[in-house]
C-alpha atoms as a PDB file:
ATOM      1  CA  UNK A   1      77.784-144.990  63.674  1.00  0.00           C
ATOM      2  CA  UNK A   2      76.459-145.402  60.146  1.00  0.00           C
ATOM      3  CA  UNK A   3      74.284-142.592  58.827  1.00  0.00           C
ATOM      4  CA  UNK A   4      72.098-145.039  56.924  1.00  0.00           C
ATOM      5  CA  UNK A   5      71.907-148.688  56.012  1.00  0.00           C
ATOM      6  CA  UNK A   6      70.184-151.099  53.668  1.00  0.00           C
ATOM      7  CA  UNK A   7      69.798-154.671  54.834  1.00  0.00           C
ATOM      8  CA  UNK A   8      68.954-157.688  52.713  1.00  0.00           C
ATOM      9  CA  UNK A   9      68.167-160.844  54.669  1.00  0.00           C
ATOM     10  CA  UNK A  10      67.283-164.173  53.107  1.00  0.00           C
ATOM     11  CA  UNK A  11      67.196-166.399  56.200  1.00  0.00           C
ATOM     12  CA  UNK A  12      67.147-164.408  59.439  1.00  0.00           C
ATOM     13  CA  UNK A  13      65.470-161.474  61.114  1.00  0.00           C
ATOM     14  CA  UNK A  14      68.180-158.762  61.121  1.00  0.00           C
ATOM     15  CA  UNK A  15      69.993-158.615  64.450  1.00  0.00           C
ATOM     16  CA  UNK A  16      68.913-155.027  65.087  1.00  0.00           C
ATOM     17  CA  UNK A  17      65.290-156.204  64.949  1.00  0.00           C
ATOM     18  CA  UNK A  18      65.532-159.493  66.886  1.00  0.00           C
ATOM     19  CA  UNK A  19      63.909-160.013  70.261  1.00  0.00           C
ATOM     20  CA  UNK A  20      66.162-161.396  72.976  1.00  0.00           C
ATOM     21  CA  UNK A  21      64.372-164.771  72.905  1.00  0.00           C
ATOM     22  CA  UNK A  22      64.705-164.967  69.118  1.00  0.00           C
ATOM     23  CA  UNK A  23      68.446-164.268  69.405  1.00  0.00           C
ATOM     24  CA  UNK A  24      68.754-166.926  72.116  1.00  0.00           C
ATOM     25  CA  UNK A  25      67.055-169.448  69.828  1.00  0.00           C
ATOM     26  CA  UNK A  26      68.989-168.672  66.658  1.00  0.00           C
ATOM     27  CA  UNK A  27      72.494-168.291  68.141  1.00  0.00           C
ATOM     28  CA  UNK A  28      72.959-171.917  69.255  1.00  0.00           C
ATOM     29  CA  UNK A  29      71.422-173.123  65.985  1.00  0.00           C
ATOM     30  CA  UNK A  30      74.403-171.596  64.167  1.00  0.00           C
ATOM     31  CA  UNK A  31      76.886-173.156  66.622  1.00  0.00           C
ATOM     32  CA  UNK A  32      75.444-175.855  68.924  1.00  0.00           C
ATOM     33  CA  UNK A  33      78.751-176.179  70.791  1.00  0.00           C
ATOM     34  CA  UNK A  34      78.808-172.488  71.738  1.00  0.00           C
ATOM     35  CA  UNK A  35      78.971-172.171  75.550  1.00  0.00           C
ATOM     36  CA  UNK A  36      75.992-170.599  77.336  1.00  0.00           C
ATOM     37  CA  UNK A  37      78.199-167.735  78.585  1.00  0.00           C
ATOM     38  CA  UNK A  38      79.131-166.887  75.002  1.00  0.00           C
ATOM     39  CA  UNK A  39      75.445-166.935  73.984  1.00  0.00           C
ATOM     40  CA  UNK A  40      74.688-164.557  76.871  1.00  0.00           C
ATOM     41  CA  UNK A  41      77.500-162.235  75.747  1.00  0.00           C
ATOM     42  CA  UNK A  42      76.278-162.208  72.144  1.00  0.00           C
ATOM     43  CA  UNK A  43      72.671-161.578  73.194  1.00  0.00           C
ATOM     44  CA  UNK A  44      73.747-158.698  75.446  1.00  0.00           C
ATOM     45  CA  UNK A  45      75.806-157.143  72.650  1.00  0.00           C
ATOM     46  CA  UNK A  46      72.986-157.399  70.149  1.00  0.00           C
ATOM     47  CA  UNK A  47      70.513-155.927  72.637  1.00  0.00           C
ATOM     48  CA  UNK A  48      72.873-153.013  73.294  1.00  0.00           C
ATOM     49  CA  UNK A  49      73.306-152.324  69.553  1.00  0.00           C
ATOM     50  CA  UNK A  50      69.524-152.173  69.175  1.00  0.00           C
ATOM     51  CA  UNK A  51      69.654-148.941  71.155  1.00  0.00           C
ATOM     52  CA  UNK A  52      70.798-147.326  67.886  1.00  0.00           C
ATOM     53  CA  UNK A  53      67.183-147.459  66.715  1.00  0.00           C
ATOM     54  CA  UNK A  54      66.103-145.164  69.557  1.00  0.00           C
ATOM     55  CA  UNK A  55      69.231-142.957  69.497  1.00  0.00           C
ATOM     56  CA  UNK A  56      68.880-139.173  69.359  1.00  0.00           C
ATOM     57  CA  UNK A  57      69.945-139.308  65.703  1.00  0.00           C
ATOM     58  CA  UNK A  58      69.145-142.880  64.614  1.00  0.00           C
ATOM     59  CA  UNK A  59      70.396-144.171  61.281  1.00  0.00           C
ATOM     60  CA  UNK A  60      67.938-144.500  58.406  1.00  0.00           C
ATOM     61  CA  UNK A  61      67.460-148.212  57.712  1.00  0.00           C
ATOM     62  CA  UNK A  62      65.803-149.898  54.763  1.00  0.00           C
ATOM     63  CA  UNK A  63      65.428-153.639  55.316  1.00  0.00           C
ATOM     64  CA  UNK A  64      64.254-156.163  52.755  1.00  0.00           C
ATOM     65  CA  UNK A  65      63.397-159.561  54.222  1.00  0.00           C
ATOM     66  CA  UNK A  66      62.735-162.690  52.258  1.00  0.00           C
ATOM     67  CA  UNK A  67      59.181-163.849  52.988  1.00  0.00           C
ATOM     68  CA  UNK A  68      60.575-167.088  54.462  1.00  0.00           C
ATOM     69  CA  UNK A  69      62.090-165.073  57.328  1.00  0.00           C
ATOM     70  CA  UNK A  70      58.659-164.316  58.774  1.00  0.00           C
ATOM     71  CA  UNK A  71      57.301-167.846  58.253  1.00  0.00           C
ATOM     72  CA  UNK A  72      60.239-169.772  59.722  1.00  0.00           C
ATOM     73  CA  UNK A  73      59.346-170.610  63.326  1.00  0.00           C
ATOM     74  CA  UNK A  74      62.434-169.882  65.422  1.00  0.00           C
ATOM     75  CA  UNK A  75      62.239-170.701  69.126  1.00  0.00           C
ATOM     76  CA  UNK A  76      58.622-171.876  69.021  1.00  0.00           C
ATOM     77  CA  UNK A  77      55.277-170.185  68.439  1.00  0.00           C
ATOM     78  CA  UNK A  78      55.426-167.882  71.485  1.00  0.00           C
ATOM     79  CA  UNK A  79      58.878-166.576  70.512  1.00  0.00           C
ATOM     80  CA  UNK A  80      57.756-166.030  66.913  1.00  0.00           C
ATOM     81  CA  UNK A  81      54.601-164.162  67.946  1.00  0.00           C
ATOM     82  CA  UNK A  82      56.759-161.795  69.998  1.00  0.00           C
ATOM     83  CA  UNK A  83      59.257-161.514  67.129  1.00  0.00           C
ATOM     84  CA  UNK A  84      56.555-160.635  64.612  1.00  0.00           C
ATOM     85  CA  UNK A  85      55.194-158.026  67.043  1.00  0.00           C
ATOM     86  CA  UNK A  86      58.722-156.601  67.326  1.00  0.00           C
ATOM     87  CA  UNK A  87      59.018-156.391  63.532  1.00  0.00           C
ATOM     88  CA  UNK A  88      55.737-154.471  63.486  1.00  0.00           C
ATOM     89  CA  UNK A  89      57.055-152.061  66.168  1.00  0.00           C
ATOM     90  CA  UNK A  90      60.297-151.518  64.273  1.00  0.00           C
ATOM     91  CA  UNK A  91      58.423-150.905  60.999  1.00  0.00           C
ATOM     92  CA  UNK A  92      56.531-148.078  62.734  1.00  0.00           C
ATOM     93  CA  UNK A  93      59.735-146.195  63.584  1.00  0.00           C
ATOM     94  CA  UNK A  94      60.102-143.091  61.398  1.00  0.00           C
ATOM     95  CA  UNK A  95      63.650-144.004  60.332  1.00  0.00           C
ATOM     96  CA  UNK A  96      62.945-147.628  59.374  1.00  0.00           C
ATOM     97  CA  UNK A  97      61.450-149.011  56.161  1.00  0.00           C
ATOM     98  CA  UNK A  98      60.692-152.715  56.373  1.00  0.00           C
ATOM     99  CA  UNK A  99      59.820-154.589  53.201  1.00  0.00           C
ATOM    100  CA  UNK A 100      58.963-158.246  52.691  1.00  0.00           C
ATOM    101  CA  UNK A 101      60.032-159.737  49.387  1.00  0.00           C
ATOM    102  CA  UNK A 102      57.336-162.257  48.427  1.00  0.00           C
ATOM    103  CA  UNK A 103      58.400-165.718  47.280  1.00  0.00           C
ATOM    104  CA  UNK A 104      56.418-165.203  44.091  1.00  0.00           C
ATOM    105  CA  UNK A 105      59.082-162.623  43.077  1.00  0.00           C
ATOM    106  CA  UNK A 106      61.256-165.494  41.871  1.00  0.00           C
ATOM    107  CA  UNK A 107      64.948-164.983  41.152  1.00  0.00           C
ATOM    108  CA  UNK A 108      66.477-161.685  42.272  1.00  0.00           C
ATOM    109  CA  UNK A 109      69.910-160.108  42.677  1.00  0.00           C
ATOM    110  CA  UNK A 110      70.176-160.652  46.452  1.00  0.00           C
ATOM    111  CA  UNK A 111      69.385-164.374  46.482  1.00  0.00           C
ATOM    112  CA  UNK A 112      72.912-165.596  47.142  1.00  0.00           C
ATOM    113  CA  UNK A 113      73.634-163.849  50.415  1.00  0.00           C
ATOM    114  CA  UNK A 114      72.513-161.557  53.152  1.00  0.00           C
ATOM    115  CA  UNK A 115      74.255-158.221  53.495  1.00  0.00           C
ATOM    116  CA  UNK A 116      74.226-154.764  54.973  1.00  0.00           C
ATOM    117  CA  UNK A 117      75.000-151.698  52.879  1.00  0.00           C
ATOM    118  CA  UNK A 118      76.270-148.941  55.170  1.00  0.00           C
ATOM    119  CA  UNK A 119      76.693-145.228  54.467  1.00  0.00           C
ATOM    120  CA  UNK A 120      79.342-143.883  56.844  1.00  0.00           C
ATOM    121  CA  UNK A 121      79.257-140.172  57.771  1.00  0.00           C
ATOM    122  CA  UNK A 122      82.057-137.610  57.461  1.00  0.00           C
ATOM    123  CA  UNK A 123      84.996-137.656  57.646  1.00  0.00           C
ATOM    124  CA  UNK A 124      84.746-141.031  55.854  1.00  0.00           C
ATOM    125  CA  UNK A 125      81.686-140.414  53.691  1.00  0.00           C
ATOM    126  CA  UNK A 126      81.888-143.842  52.055  1.00  0.00           C
ATOM    127  CA  UNK A 127      79.553-146.716  51.300  1.00  0.00           C
ATOM    128  CA  UNK A 128      80.573-150.186  52.475  1.00  0.00           C
ATOM    129  CA  UNK A 129      78.951-153.586  52.110  1.00  0.00           C
ATOM    130  CA  UNK A 130      79.230-155.878  55.112  1.00  0.00           C
ATOM    131  CA  UNK A 131      78.846-159.609  54.440  1.00  0.00           C
ATOM    132  CA  UNK A 132      78.663-161.996  57.366  1.00  0.00           C
ATOM    133  CA  UNK A 133      78.633-165.787  57.448  1.00  0.00           C
ATOM    134  CA  UNK A 134      78.949-168.360  60.212  1.00  0.00           C
ATOM    135  CA  UNK A 135      82.738-168.368  59.987  1.00  0.00           C
ATOM    136  CA  UNK A 136      83.792-165.008  58.567  1.00  0.00           C
ATOM    137  CA  UNK A 137      82.934-161.409  57.797  1.00  0.00           C
ATOM    138  CA  UNK A 138      83.954-159.354  54.789  1.00  0.00           C
ATOM    139  CA  UNK A 139      83.807-155.660  53.981  1.00  0.00           C
ATOM    140  CA  UNK A 140      83.482-154.633  50.337  1.00  0.00           C
ATOM    141  CA  UNK A 141      84.287-151.106  49.284  1.00  0.00           C
ATOM    142  CA  UNK A 142      84.846-151.345  45.529  1.00  0.00           C
ATOM    143  CA  UNK A 143      82.290-149.144  43.777  1.00  0.00           C
ATOM    144  CA  UNK A 144      81.095-151.980  41.476  1.00  0.00           C
ATOM    145  CA  UNK A 145      80.552-154.317  44.439  1.00  0.00           C
ATOM    146  CA  UNK A 146      78.669-151.695  46.427  1.00  0.00           C
ATOM    147  CA  UNK A 147      76.529-150.777  43.425  1.00  0.00           C
ATOM    148  CA  UNK A 148      75.628-154.447  42.848  1.00  0.00           C
ATOM    149  CA  UNK A 149      74.386-154.764  46.422  1.00  0.00           C
ATOM    150  CA  UNK A 150      72.567-151.430  46.210  1.00  0.00           C
ATOM    151  CA  UNK A 151      70.428-152.616  43.319  1.00  0.00           C
ATOM    152  CA  UNK A 152      69.918-156.037  44.913  1.00  0.00           C
ATOM    153  CA  UNK A 153      68.477-154.629  48.132  1.00  0.00           C
ATOM    154  CA  UNK A 154      65.906-152.276  46.712  1.00  0.00           C
ATOM    155  CA  UNK A 155      63.008-154.704  46.669  1.00  0.00           C
ATOM    156  CA  UNK A 156      59.751-154.012  44.879  1.00  0.00           C
ATOM    157  CA  UNK A 157      57.336-154.811  47.638  1.00  0.00           C
ATOM    158  CA  UNK A 158      55.166-152.433  49.570  1.00  0.00           C
ATOM    159  CA  UNK A 159      56.186-151.077  52.952  1.00  0.00           C
ATOM    160  CA  UNK A 160      54.927-153.153  55.881  1.00  0.00           C
END
């Protein structure tokens, strides 16, 4: 388990923060041909991973969300109301910092992609950037790459 993480999201609520209904709405949008059983499996896995937030020693997470993430209605108004309430709950956890990057910010370093910057504990004691797209996932461990994502995820907005 990662000791800490920084998340930059331009389009989606981070998986660790999604409600089950939000996940059910967004998963088929990424792949409409995905079988219902596969959606159920993905939702169950995401829900299980969310237990990390309540773990005895939860990771410290700093998340910076593009403002559009909270305005995009995913799954309908009822689903979004519950999702926004969930974001509020998560932001109240002592190990989570949730920031919203306002659109007025303009161009910024993290515009091109969403990512997670992970700090792995001993014996590894390394920082890794995880990039995920619809068709692939990449891990970056070169110091320059990690540093670029570190500065791009800092955000200048107030905690919410």
